[in-house]
Amino acid sequence: MIVAVTGGGTGGHLTIAKALKNEFVKRGDEVVFIGSSNGQDRSWFENDTGCVDKLFLSSYGVSNQSGFSKWNSLFNIGKLSLELREVFKKYKFDAVVSVGGYSSAPASFLAIGSRIPLYIHEQNAHIGNLNKTIKPFAKEFFSSYEETSKVKDYPISNIFFEKARVRKEIKRVIFLGGSQGARFVNDFAIKVAPELYKNGISIIHQTGKLDFERMQRAYSTIGVDAEIIDFHPELYRFIEKSDLAVTRSGASTLWELSANGLPSLFIPYPHANNHQYFNAKFILDRNLGWSASQGEIKPHHLIDLLNEDLEEKSRGLMETISPDGAGKIVDFIKEDYEQKMERS
């Protein structure tokens, strides 16, 4: 097969794009990545040797625009779709796989117009505006939150399953500030750290690169000995030895923690259409975690959890997701392709 994988803008989208690209390449298929020159797409894929080609278009978001700027964004998508026609003609794609984000729009619309099978993976419980628009035209729509999805398992690294364990009590808390740093989560950690330390709870804190030195000084000032990291390529090692996470509720993080059986106190990022609230709600509705908004969270929201019996939640989280989500999605797409070849 020759497949176009398109989308990105943020790490959440690009994590899925990379996982699906790797799975196709592992099976001997050819992949062209189509992303944006804006966002993080280039840093994730420019040096990727597994792709037969990479294109970074001058695409940008629509939902964050208003008035004339929104119409200009829509016009730009149409213009880029027309520019992609030569690429589609050159590679004769058997399928286009969209992981969402504004950089997926030109190739997704062209796939629909060219009658090339379009497959969409939606990371979040709250469907993005673009995916909501093109969902009716997709051959299949994959979501970990929709009961009707043919594949519900989120594409994450199998290492989180391999290192999973059942938590029963809280001895160590990990604060996840993200690769760049979620300043609010970092500041909340400093507020609650003295009380955790007084209760004999160890602290691991991923601060993000942008906030690392500030957080080092902050912990030193309050006299708390925490294990502080900025970014680590093997974050699962720190997750594995933790008993509770305090974190945003981006989709990839949520499912990695679930696969590992690590209960979490979520502080959803309140912007970007508030999609993280709906991700966290999926876990809360199953009584498998806790959440507090950025405007309401106080240290007691965490301290009150210290004596919780975690076993039921930990086991329940592991049951929400199974390994090899990327493999199952690619299985489905390739089976579709093989059936089409048999009919033709």
C-alpha atoms as a PDB file:
ATOM      1  CA  MET A   1       0.000   0.000   0.000  1.00  0.00           C
ATOM      2  CA  ILE A   2       0.940   3.632  -0.459  1.00  0.00           C
ATOM      3  CA  VAL A   3      -0.537   5.692   2.352  1.00  0.00           C
ATOM      4  CA  ALA A   4      -0.656   9.395   3.191  1.00  0.00           C
ATOM      5  CA  VAL A   5      -0.580  10.106   6.926  1.00  0.00           C
ATOM      6  CA  THR A   6      -1.677  13.678   7.559  1.00  0.00           C
ATOM      7  CA  GLY A   7      -2.214  15.958  10.528  1.00  0.00           C
ATOM      8  CA  GLY A   8      -0.384  17.348  13.505  1.00  0.00           C
ATOM      9  CA  GLY A   9       0.199  20.753  14.981  1.00  0.00           C
ATOM     10  CA  THR A  10       0.585  19.443  18.538  1.00  0.00           C
ATOM     11  CA  GLY A  11       2.368  16.543  20.177  1.00  0.00           C
ATOM     12  CA  GLY A  12      -0.915  14.710  20.802  1.00  0.00           C
ATOM     13  CA  HIS A  13      -1.746  14.530  17.098  1.00  0.00           C
ATOM     14  CA  LEU A  14       1.836  13.813  16.085  1.00  0.00           C
ATOM     15  CA  THR A  15       2.208  10.944  18.552  1.00  0.00           C
ATOM     16  CA  ILE A  16      -0.598   9.158  16.702  1.00  0.00           C
ATOM     17  CA  ALA A  17       0.801  10.088  13.283  1.00  0.00           C
ATOM     18  CA  LYS A  18       4.179   8.638  14.224  1.00  0.00           C
ATOM     19  CA  ALA A  19       2.686   5.442  15.690  1.00  0.00           C
ATOM     20  CA  LEU A  20       0.581   4.766  12.584  1.00  0.00           C
ATOM     21  CA  LYS A  21       3.450   5.631  10.233  1.00  0.00           C
ATOM     22  CA  ASN A  22       5.740   3.208  12.089  1.00  0.00           C
ATOM     23  CA  GLU A  23       3.137   0.440  11.896  1.00  0.00           C
ATOM     24  CA  PHE A  24       2.629   0.832   8.144  1.00  0.00           C
ATOM     25  CA  VAL A  25       6.382   0.938   7.490  1.00  0.00           C
ATOM     26  CA  LYS A  26       6.929  -2.150   9.662  1.00  0.00           C
ATOM     27  CA  ARG A  27       4.577  -4.028   7.336  1.00  0.00           C
ATOM     28  CA  GLY A  28       6.381  -2.908   4.195  1.00  0.00           C
ATOM     29  CA  ASP A  29       3.992  -0.162   3.147  1.00  0.00           C
ATOM     30  CA  GLU A  30       5.106   3.218   1.797  1.00  0.00           C
ATOM     31  CA  VAL A  31       4.125   6.332   3.757  1.00  0.00           C
ATOM     32  CA  VAL A  32       4.095  10.000   2.801  1.00  0.00           C
ATOM     33  CA  PHE A  33       3.648  12.401   5.709  1.00  0.00           C
ATOM     34  CA  ILE A  34       1.700  15.591   4.951  1.00  0.00           C
ATOM     35  CA  GLY A  35       1.860  18.187   7.701  1.00  0.00           C
ATOM     36  CA  SER A  36       2.355  21.893   8.279  1.00  0.00           C
ATOM     37  CA  SER A  37       5.335  24.212   8.290  1.00  0.00           C
ATOM     38  CA  ASN A  38       3.775  25.676  11.439  1.00  0.00           C
ATOM     39  CA  GLY A  39       3.388  23.855  14.748  1.00  0.00           C
ATOM     40  CA  GLN A  40       5.616  20.919  15.694  1.00  0.00           C
ATOM     41  CA  ASP A  41       5.181  18.838  12.529  1.00  0.00           C
ATOM     42  CA  ARG A  42       8.602  19.552  11.047  1.00  0.00           C
ATOM     43  CA  SER A  43      10.494  18.775  14.262  1.00  0.00           C
ATOM     44  CA  TRP A  44       8.728  15.399  14.513  1.00  0.00           C
ATOM     45  CA  PHE A  45       9.004  14.289  10.886  1.00  0.00           C
ATOM     46  CA  GLU A  46      11.634  16.246   8.958  1.00  0.00           C
ATOM     47  CA  ASN A  47      14.393  13.748   9.764  1.00  0.00           C
ATOM     48  CA  ASP A  48      12.151  10.671   9.728  1.00  0.00           C
ATOM     49  CA  THR A  49      13.853   8.163   7.429  1.00  0.00           C
ATOM     50  CA  GLY A  50      10.828   5.829   7.357  1.00  0.00           C
ATOM     51  CA  CYS A  51       8.769   8.100   5.094  1.00  0.00           C
ATOM     52  CA  VAL A  52       9.256   8.029   1.334  1.00  0.00           C
ATOM     53  CA  ASP A  53       8.379  11.725   1.304  1.00  0.00           C
ATOM     54  CA  LYS A  54       7.459  14.522   3.732  1.00  0.00           C
ATOM     55  CA  LEU A  55       5.550  17.672   2.876  1.00  0.00           C
ATOM     56  CA  PHE A  56       5.126  20.665   5.172  1.00  0.00           C
ATOM     57  CA  LEU A  57       2.423  23.002   3.904  1.00  0.00           C
ATOM     58  CA  SER A  58       1.757  26.590   4.927  1.00  0.00           C
ATOM     59  CA  SER A  59      -1.465  25.555   6.708  1.00  0.00           C
ATOM     60  CA  TYR A  60      -2.772  27.153   9.863  1.00  0.00           C
ATOM     61  CA  GLY A  61      -5.818  26.922  12.120  1.00  0.00           C
ATOM     62  CA  VAL A  62      -9.345  28.036  11.345  1.00  0.00           C
ATOM     63  CA  SER A  63     -11.197  27.665  14.659  1.00  0.00           C
ATOM     64  CA  ASN A  64      -8.982  30.222  16.411  1.00  0.00           C
ATOM     65  CA  GLN A  65      -9.646  32.830  13.689  1.00  0.00           C
ATOM     66  CA  SER A  66     -12.556  35.246  13.304  1.00  0.00           C
ATOM     67  CA  GLY A  67     -14.098  37.383  10.599  1.00  0.00           C
ATOM     68  CA  PHE A  68     -11.969  37.900   7.504  1.00  0.00           C
ATOM     69  CA  SER A  69      -9.119  35.817   8.981  1.00  0.00           C
ATOM     70  CA  LYS A  70     -11.386  32.754   9.176  1.00  0.00           C
ATOM     71  CA  TRP A  71     -12.396  33.120   5.512  1.00  0.00           C
ATOM     72  CA  ASN A  72      -8.741  33.580   4.606  1.00  0.00           C
ATOM     73  CA  SER A  73      -7.870  30.358   6.461  1.00  0.00           C
ATOM     74  CA  LEU A  74     -10.569  28.447   4.601  1.00  0.00           C
ATOM     75  CA  PHE A  75      -9.351  29.855   1.286  1.00  0.00           C
ATOM     76  CA  ASN A  76      -5.818  28.764   2.179  1.00  0.00           C
ATOM     77  CA  ILE A  77      -6.996  25.194   2.818  1.00  0.00           C
ATOM     78  CA  GLY A  78      -8.646  25.113  -0.597  1.00  0.00           C
ATOM     79  CA  LYS A  79      -5.526  26.502  -2.264  1.00  0.00           C
ATOM     80  CA  LEU A  80      -3.284  23.935  -0.566  1.00  0.00           C
ATOM     81  CA  SER A  81      -5.641  21.103  -1.531  1.00  0.00           C
ATOM     82  CA  LEU A  82      -5.281  22.145  -5.185  1.00  0.00           C
ATOM     83  CA  GLU A  83      -1.500  22.270  -4.814  1.00  0.00           C
ATOM     84  CA  LEU A  84      -1.526  18.717  -3.450  1.00  0.00           C
ATOM     85  CA  ARG A  85      -3.173  17.301  -6.567  1.00  0.00           C
ATOM     86  CA  GLU A  86       0.206  16.688  -8.237  1.00  0.00           C
ATOM     87  CA  VAL A  87       1.420  14.828  -5.149  1.00  0.00           C
ATOM     88  CA  PHE A  88      -1.702  12.651  -5.127  1.00  0.00           C
ATOM     89  CA  LYS A  89      -1.262  11.990  -8.846  1.00  0.00           C
ATOM     90  CA  LYS A  90       2.398  11.052  -8.328  1.00  0.00           C
ATOM     91  CA  TYR A  91       1.876   8.589  -5.459  1.00  0.00           C
ATOM     92  CA  LYS A  92      -1.628   7.268  -6.285  1.00  0.00           C
ATOM     93  CA  PHE A  93      -2.483   6.822  -2.619  1.00  0.00           C
ATOM     94  CA  ASP A  94      -4.482   3.767  -1.597  1.00  0.00           C
ATOM     95  CA  ALA A  95      -5.618   5.497   1.614  1.00  0.00           C
ATOM     96  CA  VAL A  96      -5.322   8.773   3.475  1.00  0.00           C
ATOM     97  CA  VAL A  97      -5.135   8.568   7.262  1.00  0.00           C
ATOM     98  CA  SER A  98      -5.882  11.763   9.183  1.00  0.00           C
ATOM     99  CA  VAL A  99      -4.946  12.261  12.830  1.00  0.00           C
ATOM    100  CA  GLY A 100      -6.649  15.663  12.972  1.00  0.00           C
ATOM    101  CA  GLY A 101      -5.318  19.135  13.606  1.00  0.00           C
ATOM    102  CA  TYR A 102      -5.355  21.979  11.098  1.00  0.00           C
ATOM    103  CA  SER A 103      -2.508  20.486   9.057  1.00  0.00           C
ATOM    104  CA  SER A 104      -4.713  17.522   8.119  1.00  0.00           C
ATOM    105  CA  ALA A 105      -7.325  19.657   6.334  1.00  0.00           C
ATOM    106  CA  PRO A 106      -5.848  20.035   2.802  1.00  0.00           C
ATOM    107  CA  ALA A 107      -5.087  16.333   2.286  1.00  0.00           C
ATOM    108  CA  SER A 108      -8.343  15.213   3.950  1.00  0.00           C
ATOM    109  CA  PHE A 109     -10.516  17.399   1.729  1.00  0.00           C
ATOM    110  CA  LEU A 110      -8.586  16.326  -1.364  1.00  0.00           C
ATOM    111  CA  ALA A 111      -9.013  12.647  -0.402  1.00  0.00           C
ATOM    112  CA  ILE A 112     -12.780  13.168  -0.174  1.00  0.00           C
ATOM    113  CA  GLY A 113     -12.863  14.981  -3.521  1.00  0.00           C
ATOM    114  CA  SER A 114     -10.664  12.315  -5.142  1.00  0.00           C
ATOM    115  CA  ARG A 115     -12.696   9.403  -3.719  1.00  0.00           C
ATOM    116  CA  ILE A 116      -9.653   8.003  -1.940  1.00  0.00           C
ATOM    117  CA  PRO A 117     -10.604   6.135   1.256  1.00  0.00           C
ATOM    118  CA  LEU A 118     -10.191   8.507   4.207  1.00  0.00           C
ATOM    119  CA  TYR A 119      -9.663   7.166   7.724  1.00  0.00           C
ATOM    120  CA  ILE A 120      -9.761   9.456  10.742  1.00  0.00           C
ATOM    121  CA  HIS A 121      -8.363   8.988  14.230  1.00  0.00           C
ATOM    122  CA  GLU A 122      -9.842  11.372  16.808  1.00  0.00           C
ATOM    123  CA  GLN A 123      -7.721  11.692  19.944  1.00  0.00           C
ATOM    124  CA  ASN A 124     -10.196  13.500  22.164  1.00  0.00           C
ATOM    125  CA  ALA A 125     -13.591  12.736  23.653  1.00  0.00           C
ATOM    126  CA  HIS A 126     -14.843  16.075  22.288  1.00  0.00           C
ATOM    127  CA  ILE A 127     -14.541  15.869  18.490  1.00  0.00           C
ATOM    128  CA  GLY A 128     -12.606  18.719  16.887  1.00  0.00           C
ATOM    129  CA  ASN A 129     -14.393  20.997  14.406  1.00  0.00           C
ATOM    130  CA  LEU A 130     -12.509  19.694  11.374  1.00  0.00           C
ATOM    131  CA  ASN A 131     -13.108  16.040  12.209  1.00  0.00           C
ATOM    132  CA  LYS A 132     -16.765  16.762  12.935  1.00  0.00           C
ATOM    133  CA  THR A 133     -17.086  18.284   9.447  1.00  0.00           C
ATOM    134  CA  ILE A 134     -15.416  15.478   7.514  1.00  0.00           C
ATOM    135  CA  LYS A 135     -16.527  12.509   9.659  1.00  0.00           C
ATOM    136  CA  PRO A 136     -19.584  11.736   7.448  1.00  0.00           C
ATOM    137  CA  PHE A 137     -17.279  11.349   4.441  1.00  0.00           C
ATOM    138  CA  ALA A 138     -14.716   9.068   6.131  1.00  0.00           C
ATOM    139  CA  LYS A 139     -14.473   5.349   5.406  1.00  0.00           C
ATOM    140  CA  GLU A 140     -13.959   4.829   9.136  1.00  0.00           C
ATOM    141  CA  PHE A 141     -13.718   7.014  12.232  1.00  0.00           C
ATOM    142  CA  PHE A 142     -11.595   5.660  15.084  1.00  0.00           C
ATOM    143  CA  SER A 143     -12.175   6.915  18.636  1.00  0.00           C
ATOM    144  CA  SER A 144     -11.387   5.515  22.068  1.00  0.00           C
ATOM    145  CA  TYR A 145     -14.520   7.173  23.449  1.00  0.00           C
ATOM    146  CA  GLU A 146     -17.232   6.118  20.981  1.00  0.00           C
ATOM    147  CA  GLU A 147     -18.929   2.757  21.465  1.00  0.00           C
ATOM    148  CA  THR A 148     -19.418   2.371  17.711  1.00  0.00           C
ATOM    149  CA  SER A 149     -15.721   2.731  16.872  1.00  0.00           C
ATOM    150  CA  LYS A 150     -14.298  -0.385  15.178  1.00  0.00           C
ATOM    151  CA  VAL A 151     -11.036   0.124  17.098  1.00  0.00           C
ATOM    152  CA  LYS A 152     -11.233   1.693  20.546  1.00  0.00           C
ATOM    153  CA  ASP A 153      -7.683   1.066  21.756  1.00  0.00           C
ATOM    154  CA  TYR A 154      -5.596   4.235  21.688  1.00  0.00           C
ATOM    155  CA  PRO A 155      -2.252   3.970  19.844  1.00  0.00           C
ATOM    156  CA  ILE A 156       0.364   4.246  22.590  1.00  0.00           C
ATOM    157  CA  SER A 157       3.683   2.537  23.208  1.00  0.00           C
ATOM    158  CA  ASN A 158       3.391  -1.033  24.498  1.00  0.00           C
ATOM    159  CA  ILE A 159       5.943  -0.196  27.207  1.00  0.00           C
ATOM    160  CA  PHE A 160       3.151   1.330  29.307  1.00  0.00           C
ATOM    161  CA  PHE A 161       1.365  -2.034  29.305  1.00  0.00           C
ATOM    162  CA  GLU A 162       4.545  -3.985  29.925  1.00  0.00           C
ATOM    163  CA  LYS A 163       5.392  -1.847  32.970  1.00  0.00           C
ATOM    164  CA  ALA A 164       1.826  -1.753  34.350  1.00  0.00           C
ATOM    165  CA  ARG A 165       1.165  -2.639  37.976  1.00  0.00           C
ATOM    166  CA  VAL A 166      -1.788  -2.447  40.334  1.00  0.00           C
ATOM    167  CA  ARG A 167      -1.533   0.466  42.773  1.00  0.00           C
ATOM    168  CA  LYS A 168      -2.970  -0.015  46.243  1.00  0.00           C
ATOM    169  CA  GLU A 169      -1.711   2.907  48.306  1.00  0.00           C
ATOM    170  CA  ILE A 170      -0.008   6.233  47.717  1.00  0.00           C
ATOM    171  CA  LYS A 171       3.682   6.411  48.558  1.00  0.00           C
ATOM    172  CA  ARG A 172       4.891   8.478  45.605  1.00  0.00           C
ATOM    173  CA  VAL A 173       3.158  11.218  43.585  1.00  0.00           C
ATOM    174  CA  ILE A 174       4.264  12.320  40.113  1.00  0.00           C
ATOM    175  CA  PHE A 175       3.462  15.799  38.782  1.00  0.00           C
ATOM    176  CA  LEU A 176       3.438  15.913  34.987  1.00  0.00           C
ATOM    177  CA  GLY A 177       4.140  19.389  33.692  1.00  0.00           C
ATOM    178  CA  GLY A 178       4.599  18.189  30.108  1.00  0.00           C
ATOM    179  CA  SER A 179       7.559  18.371  27.752  1.00  0.00           C
ATOM    180  CA  GLN A 180       7.332  22.172  27.516  1.00  0.00           C
ATOM    181  CA  GLY A 181       5.934  22.807  30.984  1.00  0.00           C
ATOM    182  CA  ALA A 182       2.414  23.426  32.267  1.00  0.00           C
ATOM    183  CA  ARG A 183       3.091  26.350  34.579  1.00  0.00           C
ATOM    184  CA  PHE A 184      -0.151  25.970  36.509  1.00  0.00           C
ATOM    185  CA  VAL A 185       0.557  22.312  37.335  1.00  0.00           C
ATOM    186  CA  ASN A 186       4.091  23.246  38.361  1.00  0.00           C
ATOM    187  CA  ASP A 187       2.880  26.045  40.650  1.00  0.00           C
ATOM    188  CA  PHE A 188       0.246  23.765  42.211  1.00  0.00           C
ATOM    189  CA  ALA A 189       2.960  21.207  42.978  1.00  0.00           C
ATOM    190  CA  ILE A 190       4.930  23.766  44.985  1.00  0.00           C
ATOM    191  CA  LYS A 191       1.806  24.716  46.969  1.00  0.00           C
ATOM    192  CA  VAL A 192       1.049  21.141  47.974  1.00  0.00           C
ATOM    193  CA  ALA A 193       4.590  19.705  48.195  1.00  0.00           C
ATOM    194  CA  PRO A 194       5.275  20.643  51.876  1.00  0.00           C
ATOM    195  CA  GLU A 195       2.132  18.811  53.015  1.00  0.00           C
ATOM    196  CA  LEU A 196       3.021  15.761  50.926  1.00  0.00           C
ATOM    197  CA  TYR A 197       6.540  15.781  52.319  1.00  0.00           C
ATOM    198  CA  LYS A 198       5.176  16.033  55.883  1.00  0.00           C
ATOM    199  CA  ASN A 199       3.042  12.943  55.194  1.00  0.00           C
ATOM    200  CA  GLY A 200       6.048  10.952  54.002  1.00  0.00           C
ATOM    201  CA  ILE A 201       5.032  11.026  50.320  1.00  0.00           C
ATOM    202  CA  SER A 202       7.874  11.056  47.797  1.00  0.00           C
ATOM    203  CA  ILE A 203       7.617  13.448  44.852  1.00  0.00           C
ATOM    204  CA  ILE A 204       8.629  13.091  41.212  1.00  0.00           C
ATOM    205  CA  HIS A 205       8.153  16.199  39.097  1.00  0.00           C
ATOM    206  CA  GLN A 206       8.450  16.513  35.343  1.00  0.00           C
ATOM    207  CA  THR A 207       8.662  20.261  34.980  1.00  0.00           C
ATOM    208  CA  GLY A 208       9.166  20.667  31.245  1.00  0.00           C
ATOM    209  CA  LYS A 209      12.315  22.260  29.832  1.00  0.00           C
ATOM    210  CA  LEU A 210      11.007  25.827  30.055  1.00  0.00           C
ATOM    211  CA  ASP A 211      10.325  25.689  33.789  1.00  0.00           C
ATOM    212  CA  PHE A 212      13.066  23.368  35.036  1.00  0.00           C
ATOM    213  CA  GLU A 213      15.411  25.872  36.667  1.00  0.00           C
ATOM    214  CA  ARG A 214      12.580  27.862  38.256  1.00  0.00           C
ATOM    215  CA  MET A 215      11.166  24.699  39.804  1.00  0.00           C
ATOM    216  CA  GLN A 216      14.572  23.605  41.071  1.00  0.00           C
ATOM    217  CA  ARG A 217      14.850  26.913  42.927  1.00  0.00           C
ATOM    218  CA  ALA A 218      11.278  26.651  44.207  1.00  0.00           C
ATOM    219  CA  TYR A 219      11.785  23.202  45.736  1.00  0.00           C
ATOM    220  CA  SER A 220      15.047  24.342  47.285  1.00  0.00           C
ATOM    221  CA  THR A 221      13.311  27.382  48.803  1.00  0.00           C
ATOM    222  CA  ILE A 222      10.580  25.287  50.486  1.00  0.00           C
ATOM    223  CA  GLY A 223      13.067  22.649  51.614  1.00  0.00           C
ATOM    224  CA  VAL A 224      11.456  19.695  49.843  1.00  0.00           C
ATOM    225  CA  ASP A 225      13.644  16.997  48.312  1.00  0.00           C
ATOM    226  CA  ALA A 226      11.905  16.065  45.048  1.00  0.00           C
ATOM    227  CA  GLU A 227      13.120  14.067  42.067  1.00  0.00           C
ATOM    228  CA  ILE A 228      12.959  16.730  39.346  1.00  0.00           C
ATOM    229  CA  ILE A 229      13.276  16.089  35.617  1.00  0.00           C
ATOM    230  CA  ASP A 230      12.691  18.457  32.724  1.00  0.00           C
ATOM    231  CA  PHE A 231      12.011  16.026  29.893  1.00  0.00           C
ATOM    232  CA  HIS A 232      12.937  12.366  29.629  1.00  0.00           C
ATOM    233  CA  PRO A 233      12.609  10.054  26.598  1.00  0.00           C
ATOM    234  CA  GLU A 234      11.809   7.171  28.958  1.00  0.00           C
ATOM    235  CA  LEU A 235       9.168   8.889  31.072  1.00  0.00           C
ATOM    236  CA  TYR A 236       7.502   5.508  31.619  1.00  0.00           C
ATOM    237  CA  ARG A 237      10.292   4.686  34.114  1.00  0.00           C
ATOM    238  CA  PHE A 238       9.077   7.477  36.397  1.00  0.00           C
ATOM    239  CA  ILE A 239       5.407   6.705  35.813  1.00  0.00           C
ATOM    240  CA  GLU A 240       6.032   3.042  36.646  1.00  0.00           C
ATOM    241  CA  LYS A 241       7.301   3.802  40.152  1.00  0.00           C
ATOM    242  CA  SER A 242       4.574   6.351  40.956  1.00  0.00           C
ATOM    243  CA  ASP A 243       1.275   5.658  42.723  1.00  0.00           C
ATOM    244  CA  LEU A 244      -0.717   8.768  41.755  1.00  0.00           C
ATOM    245  CA  ALA A 245      -0.332  11.348  38.990  1.00  0.00           C
ATOM    246  CA  VAL A 246      -1.289  15.016  38.994  1.00  0.00           C
ATOM    247  CA  THR A 247      -1.573  16.014  35.363  1.00  0.00           C
ATOM    248  CA  ARG A 248      -3.372  17.715  32.521  1.00  0.00           C
ATOM    249  CA  SER A 249      -5.742  15.429  30.605  1.00  0.00           C
ATOM    250  CA  GLY A 250      -4.367  15.436  27.087  1.00  0.00           C
ATOM    251  CA  ALA A 251      -5.461  12.243  25.334  1.00  0.00           C
ATOM    252  CA  SER A 252      -2.076  10.548  24.941  1.00  0.00           C
ATOM    253  CA  THR A 253      -1.130  11.170  28.567  1.00  0.00           C
ATOM    254  CA  LEU A 254      -4.534   9.986  29.801  1.00  0.00           C
ATOM    255  CA  TRP A 255      -4.298   6.694  27.924  1.00  0.00           C
ATOM    256  CA  GLU A 256      -0.646   6.070  28.813  1.00  0.00           C
ATOM    257  CA  LEU A 257      -1.497   6.443  32.500  1.00  0.00           C
ATOM    258  CA  SER A 258      -4.573   4.239  32.108  1.00  0.00           C
ATOM    259  CA  ALA A 259      -2.567   1.486  30.392  1.00  0.00           C
ATOM    260  CA  ASN A 260      -0.064   1.607  33.230  1.00  0.00           C
ATOM    261  CA  GLY A 261      -2.803   1.449  35.891  1.00  0.00           C
ATOM    262  CA  LEU A 262      -1.827   4.789  37.418  1.00  0.00           C
ATOM    263  CA  PRO A 263      -4.793   6.685  38.955  1.00  0.00           C
ATOM    264  CA  SER A 264      -4.719  10.443  38.381  1.00  0.00           C
ATOM    265  CA  LEU A 265      -5.944  13.775  39.646  1.00  0.00           C
ATOM    266  CA  PHE A 266      -6.605  15.679  36.430  1.00  0.00           C
ATOM    267  CA  ILE A 267      -6.386  19.455  36.030  1.00  0.00           C
ATOM    268  CA  PRO A 268      -7.766  19.925  32.493  1.00  0.00           C
ATOM    269  CA  TYR A 269      -6.271  22.657  30.342  1.00  0.00           C
ATOM    270  CA  PRO A 270      -9.163  25.152  30.243  1.00  0.00           C
ATOM    271  CA  HIS A 271      -8.607  26.460  26.707  1.00  0.00           C
ATOM    272  CA  ALA A 272      -8.574  24.904  23.189  1.00  0.00           C
ATOM    273  CA  ASN A 273     -12.340  24.283  23.254  1.00  0.00           C
ATOM    274  CA  ASN A 274     -11.959  22.787  26.738  1.00  0.00           C
ATOM    275  CA  HIS A 275     -11.451  19.369  25.130  1.00  0.00           C
ATOM    276  CA  GLN A 276      -9.342  18.130  28.052  1.00  0.00           C
ATOM    277  CA  TYR A 277     -12.361  18.465  30.346  1.00  0.00           C
ATOM    278  CA  PHE A 278     -14.225  15.901  28.244  1.00  0.00           C
ATOM    279  CA  ASN A 279     -11.217  13.564  28.209  1.00  0.00           C
ATOM    280  CA  ALA A 280     -11.082  13.646  32.008  1.00  0.00           C
ATOM    281  CA  LYS A 281     -14.865  13.241  32.232  1.00  0.00           C
ATOM    282  CA  PHE A 282     -14.590   9.928  30.372  1.00  0.00           C
ATOM    283  CA  ILE A 283     -12.470   8.608  33.265  1.00  0.00           C
ATOM    284  CA  LEU A 284     -14.533  10.296  35.980  1.00  0.00           C
ATOM    285  CA  ASP A 285     -17.804   8.900  34.657  1.00  0.00           C
ATOM    286  CA  ARG A 286     -16.350   5.429  35.249  1.00  0.00           C
ATOM    287  CA  ASN A 287     -15.227   6.382  38.779  1.00  0.00           C
ATOM    288  CA  LEU A 288     -11.606   5.680  37.852  1.00  0.00           C
ATOM    289  CA  GLY A 289      -9.986   8.994  38.799  1.00  0.00           C
ATOM    290  CA  TRP A 290     -10.455  12.532  40.052  1.00  0.00           C
ATOM    291  CA  SER A 291     -10.547  15.974  38.502  1.00  0.00           C
ATOM    292  CA  ALA A 292     -10.649  19.605  39.568  1.00  0.00           C
ATOM    293  CA  SER A 293     -10.742  22.645  37.346  1.00  0.00           C
ATOM    294  CA  GLN A 294      -7.845  25.083  37.196  1.00  0.00           C
ATOM    295  CA  GLY A 295     -10.035  27.696  38.861  1.00  0.00           C
ATOM    296  CA  GLU A 296     -11.145  25.563  41.797  1.00  0.00           C
ATOM    297  CA  ILE A 297      -8.288  23.199  42.678  1.00  0.00           C
ATOM    298  CA  LYS A 298      -6.751  23.560  46.147  1.00  0.00           C
ATOM    299  CA  PRO A 299      -4.086  21.512  47.962  1.00  0.00           C
ATOM    300  CA  HIS A 300      -6.772  19.598  49.875  1.00  0.00           C
ATOM    301  CA  HIS A 301      -8.035  18.063  46.617  1.00  0.00           C
ATOM    302  CA  LEU A 302      -4.791  16.085  46.556  1.00  0.00           C
ATOM    303  CA  ILE A 303      -4.164  15.677  50.289  1.00  0.00           C
ATOM    304  CA  ASP A 304      -7.646  14.197  50.771  1.00  0.00           C
ATOM    305  CA  LEU A 305      -6.688  11.346  48.420  1.00  0.00           C
ATOM    306  CA  LEU A 306      -3.666  10.141  50.373  1.00  0.00           C
ATOM    307  CA  ASN A 307      -5.566   7.445  52.273  1.00  0.00           C
ATOM    308  CA  GLU A 308      -7.586   6.237  49.287  1.00  0.00           C
ATOM    309  CA  ASP A 309      -7.542   2.537  48.411  1.00  0.00           C
ATOM    310  CA  LEU A 310      -6.421   2.664  44.787  1.00  0.00           C
ATOM    311  CA  GLU A 311      -6.707  -0.994  43.798  1.00  0.00           C
ATOM    312  CA  GLU A 312     -10.179  -0.921  42.232  1.00  0.00           C
ATOM    313  CA  LYS A 313      -9.409   2.225  40.227  1.00  0.00           C
ATOM    314  CA  SER A 314      -6.018   0.929  39.128  1.00  0.00           C
ATOM    315  CA  ARG A 315      -7.450  -2.357  37.865  1.00  0.00           C
ATOM    316  CA  GLY A 316     -10.353  -0.551  36.217  1.00  0.00           C
ATOM    317  CA  LEU A 317      -8.014   1.773  34.313  1.00  0.00           C
ATOM    318  CA  MET A 318      -6.126  -1.189  32.861  1.00  0.00           C
ATOM    319  CA  GLU A 319      -9.394  -2.614  31.561  1.00  0.00           C
ATOM    320  CA  THR A 320     -10.215   0.540  29.545  1.00  0.00           C
ATOM    321  CA  ILE A 321      -7.454  -0.032  26.989  1.00  0.00           C
ATOM    322  CA  SER A 322      -5.621  -2.952  25.393  1.00  0.00           C
ATOM    323  CA  PRO A 323      -2.225  -3.021  23.673  1.00  0.00           C
ATOM    324  CA  ASP A 324      -1.437  -2.472  19.999  1.00  0.00           C
ATOM    325  CA  GLY A 325      -3.991   0.198  19.115  1.00  0.00           C
ATOM    326  CA  ALA A 326      -1.921   1.284  16.103  1.00  0.00           C
ATOM    327  CA  GLY A 327      -1.663  -2.300  14.881  1.00  0.00           C
ATOM    328  CA  LYS A 328      -5.424  -2.810  15.106  1.00  0.00           C
ATOM    329  CA  ILE A 329      -6.126   0.380  13.147  1.00  0.00           C
ATOM    330  CA  VAL A 330      -3.658  -0.607  10.426  1.00  0.00           C
ATOM    331  CA  ASP A 331      -5.148  -4.134  10.372  1.00  0.00           C
ATOM    332  CA  PHE A 332      -8.556  -2.618   9.669  1.00  0.00           C
ATOM    333  CA  ILE A 333      -7.276  -0.320   6.904  1.00  0.00           C
ATOM    334  CA  LYS A 334      -5.285  -3.075   5.200  1.00  0.00           C
ATOM    335  CA  GLU A 335      -8.214  -5.486   5.351  1.00  0.00           C
ATOM    336  CA  ASP A 336     -10.366  -2.829   3.655  1.00  0.00           C
ATOM    337  CA  TYR A 337      -7.695  -2.442   0.973  1.00  0.00           C
ATOM    338  CA  GLU A 338      -7.392  -6.201   0.380  1.00  0.00           C
ATOM    339  CA  GLN A 339     -11.160  -6.559   0.043  1.00  0.00           C
ATOM    340  CA  LYS A 340     -11.189  -3.709  -2.475  1.00  0.00           C
ATOM    341  CA  MET A 341      -8.425  -5.421  -4.486  1.00  0.00           C
ATOM    342  CA  GLU A 342     -10.364  -8.699  -4.512  1.00  0.00           C
ATOM    343  CA  ARG A 343     -13.454  -6.933  -5.863  1.00  0.00           C
ATOM    344  CA  SER A 344     -11.564  -5.100  -8.606  1.00  0.00           C
END
